[in-house]
Amino acid sequence: MTSPAGGPWRVAVAGGGMTGLAAAYYLQELARQRRVPVEITVVEAATRLGGKVATERTDEFRVEAGPDSFLARKPWARELAESLGLADELVTPDPHRRRTYIIRRGVLHPVPEGLSIFFPARLGPVFRSKLLSPAGKARLLLEPLVPAAGGDDETIAGFVRRRAGGEVLDYLAEPLLTGIYAGRADRLSLLAVAPQLKEMERRHGSLFRAFRAQPRRPAGGPMFLTLRTGLETLVERTAAALRGAQVRTGVKVEQVGRVGPEESASSPEIAGAGARRRPRYVLALSDGSRLAADAVILATPAFVTARILASAAPDAVKYLESIPYVSVMTCALAFRREELVHPLDGTGFLVPRVEDRAITACTWVSSKWPHLVSPGWVLFRCFLGRDGQEEAMSLDDEQVVAAVRRELKELMGIDAPPRMARVFRFPHAMPQYTAGHLARVEALEETLAKHPGLFVAGAGYRGLGLPDCVRQGQQAAHRALAFLAGPDPDRDGESRA
């Protein structure tokens, strides 16, 4: 394809986390395949790329600051890794250490087998478990008698309490959800988090009847995947693959504005785009420079995107500001194996909100991902902070480590001082899909459709896991190139995204 009048198309990507990097990478690849000349600039406020995906590497450990893996059943992160030559680096959890525990009254109970998302698909394992009381189990037996409810959306708490009772909510649904969303079940949207459960209720009237109606599937592969050298390898390899893109770190996008004739004449950055074609947008950056763009992909948190778009798309701001965020942190502690008596016969434990502890979950990294830890060492990653329980964010690092050590002693009998301690903080990092979330995202997308060339993607909208962020980046790349150069005659890539 010949160049557009005035030179190649210019695309700015705001945000250098995994969504923004995926958007830039796929835009580059799609443009190359279609022979569309595109100049890509990625602008990241932090001094490093990757956002929450970060790996600290030492002689003994590879410590994940944020996520340590991604869902295998969602293909997009795996496909990105494979396209970057990382197929041989993909690692699955130790198959002999699949057990996860949930705390009840200070005791670790194995999670019953056969859960579907966070709901018991089989009664036998639940009734053999001591996680629920006899009264909680009896209430669960009544689930087939509960009438289906109408309506478009409801909270997870409302759905689970209505169908299965308060104990299933407190000791299964809420802790499992906290491990993913750092949220509260009485605020999280059922349609955004687990729409299949609502559909099962609608079609069968009972979740147990729906589970029985499902065909038996053969045992599948692993649930999670990671990279042998740490998840940050995916960030590093994606960034290295941006051969033709300009990547600017330590620079913040302050605002996106529309380009008018007077700006085009007075600004050398805009005038340099070519006299025959004026770009639609100009990005004001924190270092005082300006960046001209024909299209802008905003892969920043929703509240940041709201500020950036206040001038160019003010009608979108209210939807962006309606997405709340929660602050979280991880605390990694390392011990010599001989210092601990606990068998570590699983992948870790989850802490229900009703237990009222600082720790919300703990991963036994050396059991779940032994490739990340040298022999003879034990590594834990403890998580703190969730919606309504962010008090730990006000503690300094020493206080965080002390709080985590105190609870590990109470729950696991660990009294030895750690040989290594690291605290990683993520302020306002976890978007909350509160009830009505999908309707608000749809309204946002409809609003942005009135502002051609502006696209949003990321954890705040349609999935916050690593595969979903990669998928949304890929989709944004397709849409941006289609906007600039027309629809792709081969739409397979976009439909798969």
Protein backbone atom coordinates (compact mmCIF):
# COMPACT_ATOMS: atom_id res chain seq x y z
CA MET A 1 0.00 0.00 0.00
CA THR A 2 1.32 3.46 -0.82
CA SER A 3 1.95 5.95 1.96
CA PRO A 4 -0.91 8.28 2.86
CA ALA A 5 -0.49 11.86 1.78
CA GLY A 6 1.96 13.57 4.10
CA GLY A 7 3.86 10.43 5.16
CA PRO A 8 3.08 7.36 7.29
CA TRP A 9 0.18 7.18 9.69
CA ARG A 10 1.11 8.15 13.23
CA VAL A 11 -0.29 6.16 16.16
CA ALA A 12 0.36 7.04 19.80
CA VAL A 13 -0.02 4.39 22.50
CA ALA A 14 -0.43 5.83 25.99
CA GLY A 15 0.65 3.29 28.57
CA GLY A 16 3.51 0.81 28.42
CA GLY A 17 1.99 -1.97 30.49
CA MET A 18 1.21 -5.32 28.91
CA THR A 19 -1.90 -3.97 27.15
CA GLY A 20 -0.06 -1.06 25.55
CA LEU A 21 2.90 -3.23 24.55
CA ALA A 22 0.59 -5.81 22.99
CA ALA A 23 -1.27 -3.06 21.12
CA ALA A 24 1.98 -1.65 19.72
CA TYR A 25 3.33 -5.10 18.83
CA TYR A 26 0.22 -6.27 17.01
CA LEU A 27 -0.22 -2.91 15.28
CA GLN A 28 3.34 -3.20 13.99
CA GLU A 29 2.77 -6.77 12.77
CA LEU A 30 -0.60 -6.02 11.18
CA ALA A 31 0.77 -2.95 9.43
CA ARG A 32 3.68 -4.99 8.09
CA GLN A 33 1.38 -7.73 6.83
CA ARG A 34 -0.89 -5.22 5.08
CA ARG A 35 2.04 -3.03 3.98
CA VAL A 36 0.54 0.01 5.66
CA PRO A 37 3.18 2.57 6.69
CA VAL A 38 2.72 3.35 10.39
CA GLU A 39 4.87 5.17 12.92
CA ILE A 40 4.17 4.00 16.49
CA THR A 41 5.12 5.87 19.65
CA VAL A 42 4.60 4.28 23.08
CA VAL A 43 4.57 6.71 26.00
CA GLU A 44 4.92 5.33 29.55
CA ALA A 45 4.89 7.47 32.70
CA ALA A 46 7.03 5.03 34.72
CA THR A 47 10.73 4.57 34.13
CA ARG A 48 10.18 0.92 33.18
CA LEU A 49 7.75 -0.95 30.96
CA GLY A 50 5.38 -3.70 32.00
CA GLY A 51 3.19 -2.11 34.68
CA LYS A 52 2.31 -4.71 37.31
CA VAL A 53 4.28 -7.41 35.46
CA ALA A 54 7.72 -7.27 37.07
CA THR A 55 10.26 -9.93 38.07
CA GLU A 56 13.10 -9.38 40.54
CA ARG A 57 15.92 -11.79 39.74
CA THR A 58 18.60 -12.85 42.25
CA ASP A 59 20.95 -15.83 42.47
CA GLU A 60 18.45 -17.81 44.55
CA PHE A 61 15.06 -16.52 43.38
CA ARG A 62 13.00 -15.02 40.64
CA VAL A 63 10.40 -13.05 42.59
CA GLU A 64 7.25 -11.91 40.82
CA ALA A 65 6.13 -8.53 42.13
CA GLY A 66 2.69 -8.73 40.50
CA PRO A 67 1.05 -11.65 38.67
CA ASP A 68 3.01 -14.90 38.65
CA SER A 69 1.12 -16.71 35.88
CA PHE A 70 -1.80 -16.55 33.47
CA LEU A 71 -4.80 -18.73 32.63
CA ALA A 72 -3.96 -21.41 30.08
CA ARG A 73 -7.54 -21.70 28.78
CA LYS A 74 -7.42 -18.11 27.53
CA PRO A 75 -5.01 -18.35 24.59
CA TRP A 76 -3.88 -14.77 23.99
CA ALA A 77 -0.91 -14.47 26.36
CA ARG A 78 0.34 -17.91 25.35
CA GLU A 79 0.00 -17.04 21.66
CA LEU A 80 1.92 -13.80 22.18
CA ALA A 81 4.68 -15.69 24.00
CA GLU A 82 4.86 -18.25 21.19
CA SER A 83 4.99 -15.58 18.49
CA LEU A 84 7.97 -14.04 20.33
CA GLY A 85 9.87 -17.33 20.38
CA LEU A 86 9.11 -18.17 24.02
CA ALA A 87 7.26 -21.47 23.51
CA ASP A 88 10.08 -23.45 25.12
CA GLU A 89 10.00 -21.09 28.12
CA LEU A 90 6.39 -21.87 29.06
CA VAL A 91 6.09 -23.73 32.38
CA THR A 92 3.13 -25.39 34.11
CA PRO A 93 2.65 -25.76 37.88
CA ASP A 94 3.99 -28.77 39.72
CA PRO A 95 1.18 -31.32 39.08
CA HIS A 96 1.76 -32.94 42.48
CA ARG A 97 1.04 -29.70 44.37
CA ARG A 98 -2.38 -28.66 43.13
CA ARG A 99 -4.08 -28.36 46.51
CA THR A 100 -5.10 -24.89 47.67
CA TYR A 101 -6.33 -24.07 51.17
CA ILE A 102 -8.90 -21.65 52.58
CA ILE A 103 -8.67 -20.35 56.15
CA ARG A 104 -11.59 -20.82 58.54
CA ARG A 105 -11.16 -19.82 62.18
CA GLY A 106 -7.40 -19.90 61.78
CA VAL A 107 -7.29 -23.44 60.32
CA LEU A 108 -6.26 -24.32 56.75
CA HIS A 109 -8.91 -26.39 54.95
CA PRO A 110 -8.36 -27.80 51.44
CA VAL A 111 -10.55 -26.24 48.77
CA PRO A 112 -13.11 -28.92 47.79
CA GLU A 113 -12.55 -30.42 44.36
CA GLY A 114 -14.99 -29.78 41.56
CA LEU A 115 -15.54 -26.04 41.87
CA SER A 116 -16.78 -24.26 38.76
CA ILE A 117 -15.34 -20.75 39.03
CA PHE A 118 -16.33 -20.35 42.68
CA PHE A 119 -19.44 -22.55 42.91
CA PRO A 120 -19.53 -26.24 43.91
CA ALA A 121 -20.29 -28.35 40.85
CA ARG A 122 -20.20 -31.58 42.90
CA LEU A 123 -21.74 -32.13 46.32
CA GLY A 124 -19.55 -35.02 47.46
CA PRO A 125 -16.28 -33.11 47.93
CA VAL A 126 -18.08 -30.25 49.66
CA PHE A 127 -19.84 -32.54 52.12
CA ARG A 128 -16.60 -34.37 52.94
CA SER A 129 -14.88 -31.04 53.58
CA LYS A 130 -14.83 -29.33 56.97
CA LEU A 131 -14.77 -25.90 55.35
CA LEU A 132 -18.57 -25.55 55.61
CA SER A 133 -20.57 -26.23 58.74
CA PRO A 134 -23.46 -28.78 58.75
CA ALA A 135 -25.88 -25.86 58.51
CA GLY A 136 -23.97 -24.42 55.55
CA LYS A 137 -24.06 -27.79 53.78
CA ALA A 138 -27.76 -28.19 54.46
CA ARG A 139 -28.44 -24.75 52.96
CA LEU A 140 -26.46 -25.70 49.86
CA LEU A 141 -28.71 -28.76 49.39
CA LEU A 142 -31.66 -26.40 48.92
CA GLU A 143 -30.12 -24.77 45.82
CA PRO A 144 -32.31 -26.68 43.30
CA LEU A 145 -35.42 -25.36 45.06
CA VAL A 146 -34.44 -21.69 44.73
CA PRO A 147 -36.35 -19.98 41.90
CA ALA A 148 -34.38 -18.23 39.20
CA ALA A 149 -34.26 -14.45 39.33
CA GLY A 150 -34.73 -12.11 36.43
CA GLY A 151 -32.95 -8.84 35.82
CA ASP A 152 -29.89 -7.94 33.85
CA ASP A 153 -27.22 -7.86 36.54
CA GLU A 154 -26.72 -8.41 40.24
CA THR A 155 -23.80 -8.62 42.63
CA ILE A 156 -21.89 -11.84 43.19
CA ALA A 157 -22.97 -11.74 46.84
CA GLY A 158 -26.62 -11.38 45.94
CA PHE A 159 -26.46 -14.30 43.52
CA VAL A 160 -24.48 -16.72 45.69
CA ARG A 161 -26.34 -15.92 48.92
CA ARG A 162 -29.67 -16.34 47.14
CA ARG A 163 -28.76 -19.64 45.55
CA ALA A 164 -26.44 -21.30 48.09
CA GLY A 165 -26.41 -19.34 51.33
CA GLY A 166 -24.01 -17.20 53.29
CA GLU A 167 -21.34 -19.80 54.05
CA VAL A 168 -20.71 -20.65 50.40
CA LEU A 169 -20.43 -16.92 49.83
CA ASP A 170 -18.06 -16.28 52.76
CA TYR A 171 -15.83 -19.36 52.50
CA LEU A 172 -15.78 -20.18 48.79
CA ALA A 173 -16.92 -17.38 46.51
CA GLU A 174 -15.47 -14.33 48.28
CA PRO A 175 -11.93 -15.68 48.95
CA LEU A 176 -11.61 -17.11 45.46
CA LEU A 177 -12.73 -13.81 43.93
CA THR A 178 -10.42 -11.77 46.16
CA GLY A 179 -7.49 -13.72 44.77
CA ILE A 180 -8.38 -12.43 41.30
CA TYR A 181 -10.13 -9.09 41.71
CA ALA A 182 -9.17 -7.86 45.21
CA GLY A 183 -12.87 -7.01 45.36
CA ARG A 184 -15.90 -7.49 47.53
CA ALA A 185 -18.64 -9.83 46.48
CA ASP A 186 -21.36 -7.39 47.51
CA ARG A 187 -20.09 -4.95 44.85
CA LEU A 188 -18.73 -7.13 42.03
CA SER A 189 -20.89 -7.65 38.96
CA LEU A 190 -22.05 -11.19 38.19
CA LEU A 191 -22.32 -10.48 34.47
CA ALA A 192 -18.79 -9.04 34.31
CA VAL A 193 -17.16 -11.73 36.48
CA ALA A 194 -19.13 -14.95 35.90
CA PRO A 195 -21.85 -14.47 33.25
CA GLN A 196 -21.99 -18.22 32.60
CA LEU A 197 -23.51 -18.80 36.04
CA LYS A 198 -26.33 -16.39 35.30
CA GLU A 199 -26.94 -18.13 31.98
CA MET A 200 -26.97 -21.55 33.67
CA GLU A 201 -29.56 -20.31 36.13
CA ARG A 202 -31.67 -18.87 33.33
CA ARG A 203 -31.58 -22.04 31.23
CA HIS A 204 -31.84 -24.71 33.93
CA GLY A 205 -33.32 -22.95 36.96
CA SER A 206 -30.62 -24.49 39.15
CA LEU A 207 -26.85 -24.57 38.96
CA PHE A 208 -26.71 -28.18 40.13
CA ARG A 209 -29.12 -29.19 37.36
CA ALA A 210 -26.99 -27.24 34.90
CA PHE A 211 -23.80 -29.01 36.05
CA ARG A 212 -25.47 -32.41 35.70
CA ALA A 213 -26.62 -31.52 32.19
CA GLN A 214 -23.11 -30.70 31.03
CA PRO A 215 -21.32 -33.46 29.11
CA ARG A 216 -18.38 -35.01 30.89
CA ARG A 217 -15.14 -33.62 29.54
CA PRO A 218 -11.83 -35.45 29.61
CA ALA A 219 -9.26 -34.11 32.02
CA GLY A 220 -7.70 -31.07 30.41
CA GLY A 221 -4.26 -29.57 30.56
CA PRO A 222 -2.83 -27.21 33.13
CA MET A 223 -4.87 -24.31 34.48
CA PHE A 224 -1.96 -21.87 34.62
CA LEU A 225 1.17 -21.08 32.65
CA THR A 226 4.18 -18.91 33.33
CA LEU A 227 7.68 -18.36 31.92
CA ARG A 228 10.78 -20.12 33.18
CA THR A 229 12.76 -16.88 33.55
CA GLY A 230 9.83 -14.91 35.04
CA LEU A 231 6.84 -13.14 33.54
CA GLU A 232 8.83 -9.97 32.92
CA THR A 233 10.50 -11.89 30.10
CA LEU A 234 7.25 -11.42 28.16
CA VAL A 235 7.52 -7.66 28.70
CA GLU A 236 11.18 -7.60 27.69
CA ARG A 237 10.67 -9.71 24.58
CA THR A 238 7.62 -7.74 23.44
CA ALA A 239 9.45 -4.44 23.88
CA ALA A 240 12.49 -5.77 22.01
CA ALA A 241 10.22 -6.80 19.13
CA LEU A 242 9.01 -3.20 18.62
CA ARG A 243 11.67 -2.65 16.00
CA GLY A 244 10.14 0.34 14.26
CA ALA A 245 8.43 1.94 17.25
CA GLN A 246 9.67 4.75 19.45
CA VAL A 247 9.31 3.93 23.17
CA ARG A 248 9.49 6.78 25.67
CA THR A 249 9.57 6.02 29.40
CA GLY A 250 9.46 8.44 32.30
CA VAL A 251 7.11 10.71 30.33
CA LYS A 252 3.43 11.15 31.13
CA VAL A 253 0.64 11.91 28.66
CA GLU A 254 -1.03 14.93 30.20
CA GLN A 255 -3.81 15.46 27.69
CA VAL A 256 -5.05 14.55 24.25
CA GLY A 257 -6.38 17.45 22.25
CA ARG A 258 -7.88 17.85 18.83
CA VAL A 259 -5.80 19.56 16.16
CA GLY A 260 -7.15 22.81 14.74
CA PRO A 261 -5.81 24.78 11.76
CA GLU A 262 -4.14 27.33 14.00
CA GLU A 263 -2.32 24.60 15.98
CA SER A 264 -1.16 22.93 12.78
CA ALA A 265 0.43 26.14 11.58
CA SER A 266 2.11 27.05 14.87
CA SER A 267 3.46 23.67 16.02
CA PRO A 268 6.51 22.18 14.32
CA GLU A 269 5.57 18.69 15.60
CA ILE A 270 2.20 18.93 13.87
CA ALA A 271 3.35 20.81 10.82
CA GLY A 272 6.00 18.11 10.34
CA ALA A 273 3.27 15.58 9.76
CA GLY A 274 2.81 16.90 6.26
CA ALA A 275 1.03 19.81 4.68
CA ARG A 276 -1.46 17.66 2.78
CA ARG A 277 -2.74 15.73 5.81
CA ARG A 278 -3.29 17.19 9.22
CA PRO A 279 -3.34 14.68 12.12
CA ARG A 280 -6.48 14.51 14.24
CA TYR A 281 -4.88 14.68 17.68
CA VAL A 282 -1.97 16.15 19.58
CA LEU A 283 -0.71 14.71 22.87
CA ALA A 284 0.69 17.11 25.46
CA LEU A 285 3.48 15.34 27.35
CA SER A 286 4.87 16.03 30.82
CA ASP A 287 8.30 17.01 29.47
CA GLY A 288 6.74 19.91 27.56
CA SER A 289 6.85 18.24 24.16
CA ARG A 290 3.88 17.47 21.94
CA LEU A 291 3.16 14.42 19.85
CA ALA A 292 1.00 14.41 16.74
CA ALA A 293 -1.16 11.36 16.08
CA ASP A 294 -3.74 10.18 13.58
CA ALA A 295 -5.01 7.65 16.14
CA VAL A 296 -4.50 7.19 19.87
CA ILE A 297 -4.71 3.95 21.86
CA LEU A 298 -5.17 4.67 25.57
CA ALA A 299 -3.91 1.71 27.60
CA THR A 300 -3.80 3.63 30.87
CA PRO A 301 -5.97 3.03 33.97
CA ALA A 302 -9.50 4.34 33.50
CA PHE A 303 -9.07 7.23 35.96
CA VAL A 304 -5.89 8.31 34.13
CA THR A 305 -7.65 7.99 30.78
CA ALA A 306 -10.43 10.23 32.13
CA ARG A 307 -7.93 12.98 32.82
CA ILE A 308 -6.20 12.56 29.46
CA LEU A 309 -9.48 12.72 27.52
CA ALA A 310 -11.03 15.62 29.43
CA SER A 311 -10.56 17.93 26.43
CA ALA A 312 -10.82 15.60 23.43
CA ALA A 313 -13.77 13.47 24.66
CA PRO A 314 -15.38 15.10 27.72
CA ASP A 315 -18.56 13.05 27.27
CA ALA A 316 -16.57 9.87 27.98
CA VAL A 317 -15.14 11.07 31.29
CA LYS A 318 -18.11 10.12 33.48
CA TYR A 319 -17.97 6.50 32.33
CA LEU A 320 -14.22 6.28 32.90
CA GLU A 321 -14.51 7.82 36.35
CA SER A 322 -17.23 5.33 37.29
CA ILE A 323 -14.68 2.48 37.38
CA PRO A 324 -13.21 2.31 40.91
CA TYR A 325 -9.71 1.00 41.67
CA VAL A 326 -8.23 -0.66 44.75
CA SER A 327 -4.65 -0.54 46.05
CA VAL A 328 -2.82 -3.82 46.73
CA MET A 329 0.65 -5.02 47.64
CA THR A 330 2.69 -8.20 47.73
CA CYS A 331 5.18 -9.21 50.40
CA ALA A 332 7.74 -11.88 49.48
CA LEU A 333 9.52 -13.76 52.26
CA ALA A 334 12.23 -16.41 51.87
CA PHE A 335 13.35 -19.08 54.35
CA ARG A 336 15.68 -22.05 54.39
CA ARG A 337 13.61 -25.25 54.08
CA GLU A 338 15.05 -26.77 57.25
CA GLU A 339 13.72 -23.80 59.25
CA LEU A 340 10.09 -24.75 58.55
CA VAL A 341 8.04 -27.70 59.76
CA HIS A 342 4.96 -27.16 57.58
CA PRO A 343 4.71 -29.76 54.75
CA LEU A 344 3.81 -27.09 52.14
CA ASP A 345 1.71 -29.72 50.39
CA GLY A 346 -0.08 -27.38 48.04
CA THR A 347 0.10 -24.05 46.26
CA GLY A 348 -0.92 -21.76 49.13
CA PHE A 349 -3.99 -20.45 50.91
CA LEU A 350 -6.77 -17.88 50.61
CA VAL A 351 -8.16 -15.80 53.46
CA PRO A 352 -11.90 -15.01 53.56
CA ARG A 353 -12.86 -11.43 54.35
CA VAL A 354 -14.76 -12.57 57.43
CA GLU A 355 -11.49 -13.83 58.95
CA ASP A 356 -10.41 -10.18 59.24
CA ARG A 357 -6.69 -10.60 58.58
CA ALA A 358 -4.11 -8.42 56.88
CA ILE A 359 -3.14 -11.20 54.45
CA THR A 360 -5.72 -11.89 51.75
CA ALA A 361 -3.82 -14.80 50.18
CA CYS A 362 -0.43 -16.51 50.22
CA THR A 363 1.28 -18.40 47.41
CA TRP A 364 3.85 -21.05 48.32
CA VAL A 365 6.03 -20.21 45.35
CA SER A 366 8.61 -22.92 45.95
CA SER A 367 5.81 -25.53 45.84
CA LYS A 368 3.74 -24.08 42.99
CA TRP A 369 6.61 -22.87 40.79
CA PRO A 370 9.77 -24.70 41.96
CA HIS A 371 11.72 -23.46 38.92
CA LEU A 372 11.69 -19.95 40.42
CA VAL A 373 13.49 -20.97 43.62
CA SER A 374 16.90 -22.58 44.20
CA PRO A 375 16.97 -25.96 45.99
CA GLY A 376 16.87 -25.73 49.76
CA TRP A 377 14.91 -22.49 49.80
CA VAL A 378 11.23 -21.70 50.45
CA LEU A 379 9.62 -18.59 49.01
CA PHE A 380 6.21 -17.19 49.97
CA ARG A 381 4.31 -14.36 48.30
CA CYS A 382 1.66 -12.85 50.56
CA PHE A 383 -0.98 -10.45 49.27
CA LEU A 384 -2.48 -7.53 51.15
CA GLY A 385 -5.24 -5.07 50.28
CA ARG A 386 -8.71 -5.46 48.81
CA ASP A 387 -11.82 -3.38 48.40
CA GLY A 388 -12.77 -2.08 51.83
CA GLN A 389 -9.57 -3.38 53.45
CA GLU A 390 -6.71 -1.16 52.27
CA GLU A 391 -5.36 -0.20 55.69
CA ALA A 392 -2.09 -2.03 55.12
CA MET A 393 -1.16 0.47 52.40
CA SER A 394 -0.47 3.04 55.13
CA LEU A 395 2.17 0.81 56.77
CA ASP A 396 5.86 1.13 55.99
CA ASP A 397 7.75 -1.90 54.69
CA GLU A 398 8.98 -3.03 58.10
CA GLN A 399 5.44 -2.92 59.49
CA VAL A 400 4.13 -4.88 56.51
CA VAL A 401 6.75 -7.60 56.99
CA ALA A 402 5.98 -7.74 60.72
CA ALA A 403 2.23 -8.10 60.08
CA VAL A 404 2.80 -10.86 57.53
CA ARG A 405 5.22 -12.71 59.82
CA ARG A 406 2.74 -12.52 62.70
CA GLU A 407 -0.04 -14.08 60.63
CA LEU A 408 2.21 -16.75 59.09
CA LYS A 409 3.17 -17.77 62.61
CA GLU A 410 -0.48 -18.01 63.68
CA LEU A 411 -1.60 -19.86 60.56
CA MET A 412 1.42 -22.01 59.69
CA GLY A 413 3.59 -22.04 62.80
CA ILE A 414 6.46 -20.19 61.11
CA ASP A 415 8.62 -18.47 63.70
CA ALA A 416 11.95 -18.21 61.88
CA PRO A 417 13.05 -14.77 60.67
CA PRO A 418 13.01 -14.47 56.88
CA ARG A 419 16.34 -14.54 55.06
CA MET A 420 14.92 -12.18 52.44
CA ALA A 421 11.93 -9.81 52.47
CA ARG A 422 10.56 -7.65 49.66
CA VAL A 423 7.46 -5.44 49.57
CA PHE A 424 5.93 -4.38 46.26
CA ARG A 425 3.20 -1.73 46.24
CA PHE A 426 0.57 -1.17 43.56
CA PRO A 427 -1.54 1.90 44.43
CA HIS A 428 -4.88 2.18 42.65
CA ALA A 429 -3.96 -0.83 40.53
CA MET A 430 -6.92 -3.21 40.60
CA PRO A 431 -10.08 -2.14 38.74
CA GLN A 432 -13.36 -3.19 40.30
CA TYR A 433 -16.10 -4.55 38.05
CA THR A 434 -19.00 -3.35 40.16
CA ALA A 435 -22.62 -4.16 39.33
CA GLY A 436 -23.59 -2.63 35.99
CA HIS A 437 -19.95 -2.57 34.81
CA LEU A 438 -20.54 -4.03 31.34
CA ALA A 439 -23.37 -1.59 30.63
CA ARG A 440 -21.08 1.31 31.55
CA VAL A 441 -18.27 -0.05 29.35
CA GLU A 442 -20.68 -0.39 26.44
CA ALA A 443 -21.82 3.20 26.97
CA LEU A 444 -18.17 4.29 27.02
CA GLU A 445 -17.45 2.49 23.77
CA GLU A 446 -20.53 3.99 22.12
CA THR A 447 -19.42 7.43 23.26
CA LEU A 448 -15.88 6.99 21.95
CA ALA A 449 -17.26 5.88 18.60
CA LYS A 450 -18.29 9.53 18.20
CA HIS A 451 -14.60 10.47 18.48
CA PRO A 452 -12.94 8.62 15.59
CA GLY A 453 -9.38 7.59 16.20
CA LEU A 454 -9.61 7.24 20.00
CA PHE A 455 -9.47 3.73 21.43
CA VAL A 456 -9.29 2.42 25.01
CA ALA A 457 -8.03 -0.96 26.20
CA GLY A 458 -6.86 -2.53 29.41
CA ALA A 459 -7.71 -4.19 32.69
CA GLY A 460 -10.39 -1.64 33.55
CA TYR A 461 -12.79 -2.72 30.83
CA ARG A 462 -13.22 -6.32 29.62
CA GLY A 463 -10.97 -8.58 31.67
CA LEU A 464 -8.06 -7.87 33.99
CA GLY A 465 -5.95 -11.01 33.62
CA LEU A 466 -2.83 -11.02 31.46
CA PRO A 467 -4.51 -12.89 28.54
CA ASP A 468 -7.43 -10.43 28.55
CA CYS A 469 -5.07 -7.46 28.53
CA VAL A 470 -3.16 -8.93 25.57
CA ARG A 471 -6.46 -9.61 23.79
CA GLN A 472 -7.69 -6.05 24.31
CA GLY A 473 -4.37 -4.68 23.05
CA GLN A 474 -4.67 -6.85 19.98
CA GLN A 475 -8.23 -5.72 19.38
CA ALA A 476 -7.23 -2.07 19.74
CA ALA A 477 -4.49 -2.60 17.16
CA HIS A 478 -6.99 -4.07 14.68
CA ARG A 479 -9.43 -1.24 15.22
CA ALA A 480 -6.81 1.47 14.94
CA LEU A 481 -5.44 0.11 11.67
CA ALA A 482 -8.93 -0.40 10.26
CA PHE A 483 -9.71 3.21 11.12
CA LEU A 484 -6.58 4.48 9.38
CA ALA A 485 -6.33 2.20 6.37
CA GLY A 486 -9.73 0.61 5.97
CA PRO A 487 -10.99 -2.83 6.99
CA ASP A 488 -8.64 -5.75 6.70
CA PRO A 489 -9.83 -8.11 3.93
CA ASP A 490 -8.65 -11.00 6.13
CA ARG A 491 -10.52 -10.52 9.41
CA ASP A 492 -9.52 -13.84 11.01
CA GLY A 493 -7.05 -12.20 13.38
CA GLU A 494 -9.59 -9.75 14.71
CA SER A 495 -12.34 -12.34 15.09
CA ARG A 496 -9.97 -14.56 17.09
CA ALA A 497 -9.05 -11.61 19.29
